[in-house]
Amino acid sequence: MAGGGTVTAKAMFGEFGIYCDGKMVALVCDDHLFVKSTVGGRAFAAGAEEAPPYPGAKPCLLIDAEQWDDSEWLAEIVRITFQELPAPKVRAKRKSG
């Protein structure tokens, strides 16, 4: 995935959020890779199933395990998804005291 930008993972509630240059683009839940659904991502991963990564979540692209070893393909879907997602919201800092 690294070819898509600086990719990092953050543990979240027993699962992992996958970030590209600080923007969440995917989740790993129950050993499945879910990429946030975008118009370009759906076109690139034509035929990919859409499913929620956890109950109540928006559907994401469920990436087949066979694709996990294709680093060029993963980098491209991460790049496409990153470009189409909005910038992360800046949270106000809490006042101490």
Protein backbone atom coordinates (compact mmCIF):
# COMPACT_ATOMS: atom_id res chain seq x y z
CA MET A 1 0.00 0.00 0.00
CA ALA A 2 2.93 2.31 0.57
CA GLY A 3 2.98 3.55 -3.04
CA GLY A 4 -0.30 5.39 -2.36
CA GLY A 5 1.26 7.79 0.17
CA THR A 6 2.43 7.55 3.77
CA VAL A 7 0.33 4.71 5.16
CA THR A 8 -0.10 4.15 8.89
CA ALA A 9 -2.35 1.94 11.02
CA LYS A 10 -3.97 2.87 14.32
CA ALA A 11 -5.53 0.36 16.72
CA MET A 12 -9.19 1.20 17.26
CA PHE A 13 -11.55 -0.83 19.46
CA GLY A 14 -9.73 -4.10 18.76
CA GLU A 15 -9.55 -3.44 15.01
CA PHE A 16 -7.37 -1.13 12.89
CA GLY A 17 -7.92 2.12 11.02
CA ILE A 18 -5.68 2.52 7.95
CA TYR A 19 -4.60 6.09 7.21
CA CYS A 20 -2.96 7.63 4.14
CA ASP A 21 -1.25 10.94 4.86
CA GLY A 22 -3.41 11.35 7.99
CA LYS A 23 -6.76 10.60 6.28
CA MET A 24 -8.60 7.36 7.13
CA VAL A 25 -9.04 5.36 3.93
CA ALA A 26 -9.65 1.82 5.16
CA LEU A 27 -10.37 -0.46 8.10
CA VAL A 28 -9.22 -3.94 9.01
CA CYS A 29 -12.04 -5.66 10.91
CA ASP A 30 -12.26 -9.37 11.69
CA ASP A 31 -9.30 -10.02 9.35
CA HIS A 32 -11.08 -8.37 6.40
CA LEU A 33 -9.92 -5.25 4.55
CA PHE A 34 -12.59 -2.61 3.98
CA VAL A 35 -11.73 0.44 1.85
CA LYS A 36 -13.99 3.47 2.17
CA SER A 37 -16.37 3.57 -0.77
CA THR A 38 -15.89 6.34 -3.35
CA VAL A 39 -17.05 6.68 -6.96
CA GLY A 40 -13.51 6.16 -8.26
CA GLY A 41 -12.81 3.29 -5.88
CA ARG A 42 -15.98 1.47 -6.96
CA ALA A 43 -15.01 1.92 -10.63
CA PHE A 44 -11.43 0.75 -10.01
CA ALA A 45 -12.51 -2.28 -7.94
CA ALA A 46 -15.38 -3.17 -10.27
CA GLY A 47 -17.33 -6.09 -8.88
CA ALA A 48 -16.06 -5.69 -5.32
CA GLU A 49 -18.70 -6.42 -2.71
CA GLU A 50 -19.82 -3.55 -0.51
CA ALA A 51 -20.41 -4.38 3.14
CA PRO A 52 -20.27 -2.57 6.48
CA PRO A 53 -17.09 -3.31 8.46
CA TYR A 54 -19.14 -3.43 11.69
CA PRO A 55 -22.85 -3.14 12.57
CA GLY A 56 -24.20 0.34 11.91
CA ALA A 57 -21.26 1.43 9.71
CA LYS A 58 -21.56 2.76 6.18
CA PRO A 59 -20.82 0.13 3.51
CA CYS A 60 -17.21 -0.04 2.35
CA LEU A 61 -15.51 -1.97 -0.42
CA LEU A 62 -14.65 -5.44 0.88
CA ILE A 63 -11.28 -6.29 -0.68
CA ASP A 64 -10.76 -9.94 -1.63
CA ALA A 65 -7.87 -11.65 0.15
CA GLU A 66 -6.28 -12.40 -3.26
CA GLN A 67 -5.79 -8.65 -3.80
CA TRP A 68 -3.85 -8.17 -0.53
CA ASP A 69 -0.59 -9.35 -2.11
CA ASP A 70 -0.90 -7.01 -5.12
CA SER A 71 0.88 -3.94 -3.72
CA GLU A 72 0.44 -1.91 -6.94
CA TRP A 73 -3.32 -2.53 -6.97
CA LEU A 74 -3.65 -1.66 -3.27
CA ALA A 75 -1.56 1.50 -3.69
CA GLU A 76 -3.81 2.61 -6.56
CA ILE A 77 -7.10 2.08 -4.70
CA VAL A 78 -5.66 3.89 -1.67
CA ARG A 79 -4.53 6.78 -3.91
CA ILE A 80 -7.95 7.00 -5.60
CA THR A 81 -9.80 6.81 -2.29
CA PHE A 82 -7.52 9.37 -0.64
CA GLN A 83 -8.07 11.88 -3.46
CA GLU A 84 -11.87 11.58 -3.31
CA LEU A 85 -12.37 11.69 0.46
CA PRO A 86 -12.75 15.06 2.18
CA ALA A 87 -10.00 16.33 4.46
CA PRO A 88 -10.33 15.16 8.06
CA LYS A 89 -12.23 17.54 10.32
CA VAL A 90 -10.02 19.53 12.65
CA ARG A 91 -11.19 19.05 16.20
CA ALA A 92 -11.10 21.94 18.62
CA LYS A 93 -8.62 21.53 21.44
CA ARG A 94 -10.11 21.02 24.87
CA LYS A 95 -9.65 23.75 27.40
CA SER A 96 -7.82 22.56 30.47
CA GLY A 97 -8.81 23.64 33.89
